[in-house]
C-alpha atoms as a PDB file:
ATOM      1  CA  MET A   1      22.314  54.373 -27.484  1.00  0.00           C
ATOM      2  CA  LYS A   2      20.367  51.154 -27.981  1.00  0.00           C
ATOM      3  CA  THR A   3      19.764  50.003 -31.485  1.00  0.00           C
ATOM      4  CA  ILE A   4      17.047  48.014 -32.976  1.00  0.00           C
ATOM      5  CA  LYS A   5      16.748  46.149 -36.363  1.00  0.00           C
ATOM      6  CA  VAL A   6      13.912  47.255 -38.539  1.00  0.00           C
ATOM      7  CA  LYS A   7      12.799  46.843 -42.108  1.00  0.00           C
ATOM      8  CA  PRO A   8      10.238  48.641 -44.218  1.00  0.00           C
ATOM      9  CA  ALA A   9       6.571  47.295 -44.075  1.00  0.00           C
ATOM     10  CA  PRO A  10       5.349  45.859 -47.341  1.00  0.00           C
ATOM     11  CA  GLY A  11       4.682  48.697 -49.939  1.00  0.00           C
ATOM     12  CA  ARG A  12       6.369  51.355 -47.699  1.00  0.00           C
ATOM     13  CA  ALA A  13       9.619  53.238 -48.087  1.00  0.00           C
ATOM     14  CA  CYS A  14      11.308  54.914 -45.123  1.00  0.00           C
ATOM     15  CA  PRO A  15      14.194  57.530 -45.264  1.00  0.00           C
ATOM     16  CA  MET A  16      16.954  57.118 -42.739  1.00  0.00           C
ATOM     17  CA  PRO A  17      18.011  60.539 -41.303  1.00  0.00           C
ATOM     18  CA  GLU A  18      21.135  59.021 -39.839  1.00  0.00           C
ATOM     19  CA  LYS A  19      22.318  58.160 -43.382  1.00  0.00           C
ATOM     20  CA  GLY A  20      21.586  61.379 -45.091  1.00  0.00           C
ATOM     21  CA  GLY A  21      17.983  60.452 -46.077  1.00  0.00           C
ATOM     22  CA  ALA A  22      18.921  57.278 -47.876  1.00  0.00           C
ATOM     23  CA  LEU A  23      16.002  54.745 -47.945  1.00  0.00           C
ATOM     24  CA  LEU A  24      15.834  51.884 -45.372  1.00  0.00           C
ATOM     25  CA  PRO A  25      17.103  48.755 -47.270  1.00  0.00           C
ATOM     26  CA  VAL A  26      14.407  46.102 -47.926  1.00  0.00           C
ATOM     27  CA  ALA A  27      16.426  43.562 -45.933  1.00  0.00           C
ATOM     28  CA  GLY A  28      16.618  46.014 -43.021  1.00  0.00           C
ATOM     29  CA  ASP A  29      19.246  47.595 -40.924  1.00  0.00           C
ATOM     30  CA  ASP A  30      20.142  48.485 -37.466  1.00  0.00           C
ATOM     31  CA  VAL A  31      18.870  51.960 -36.387  1.00  0.00           C
ATOM     32  CA  PRO A  32      19.010  53.835 -33.086  1.00  0.00           C
ATOM     33  CA  HIS A  33      15.994  53.417 -31.023  1.00  0.00           C
ATOM     34  CA  ASN A  34      14.984  56.923 -30.759  1.00  0.00           C
ATOM     35  CA  ALA A  35      11.738  58.870 -31.100  1.00  0.00           C
ATOM     36  CA  TYR A  36      12.036  58.935 -34.891  1.00  0.00           C
ATOM     37  CA  TRP A  37      12.020  55.220 -35.344  1.00  0.00           C
ATOM     38  CA  GLN A  38       9.524  54.790 -32.612  1.00  0.00           C
ATOM     39  CA  ARG A  39       6.981  56.875 -34.570  1.00  0.00           C
ATOM     40  CA  ARG A  40       7.919  54.902 -37.726  1.00  0.00           C
ATOM     41  CA  LEU A  41       7.059  51.767 -35.758  1.00  0.00           C
ATOM     42  CA  ASP A  42       3.843  53.177 -34.288  1.00  0.00           C
ATOM     43  CA  ALA A  43       2.815  54.403 -37.753  1.00  0.00           C
ATOM     44  CA  GLU A  44       3.553  50.859 -39.141  1.00  0.00           C
ATOM     45  CA  ASP A  45       5.936  52.238 -41.662  1.00  0.00           C
ATOM     46  CA  VAL A  46       8.422  49.735 -40.527  1.00  0.00           C
ATOM     47  CA  VAL A  47       8.523  46.369 -38.636  1.00  0.00           C
ATOM     48  CA  ARG A  48      10.918  45.132 -36.239  1.00  0.00           C
ATOM     49  CA  VAL A  49      13.154  42.412 -37.202  1.00  0.00           C
ATOM     50  CA  GLU A  50      13.924  40.043 -34.263  1.00  0.00           C
ATOM     51  CA  PRO A  51      17.505  38.495 -34.568  1.00  0.00           C
ATOM     52  CA  LYS A  52      17.747  34.955 -35.383  1.00  0.00           C
ATOM     53  CA  LYS A  53      18.524  32.518 -32.469  1.00  0.00           C
ATOM     54  CA  ALA A  54      21.910  30.780 -32.752  1.00  0.00           C
ATOM     55  CA  THR A  55      21.400  27.134 -33.046  1.00  0.00           C
ATOM     56  CA  LYS A  56      23.473  24.734 -30.837  1.00  0.00           C
ATOM     57  CA  GLU A  57      25.245  21.883 -32.546  1.00  0.00           C
ATOM     58  CA  VAL A  58      24.493  18.652 -30.678  1.00  0.00           C
ATOM     59  CA  LYS A  59      27.349  16.223 -30.546  1.00  0.00           C
ATOM     60  CA  VAL A  60      26.241  12.585 -31.198  1.00  0.00           C
END
């Protein structure tokens, strides 16, 4: 199953069913992209975190 990284929207707390109802950490976590998390995104309870792009080192 595809996963996405999400974090709680400011001022919101969101339980994680796959972790026994523990709250989603403020820093975010990888979660399955399923109906539950899509509803949380649609309700703006969570925001998607885009992965940071790797920077290439330039040899001089």
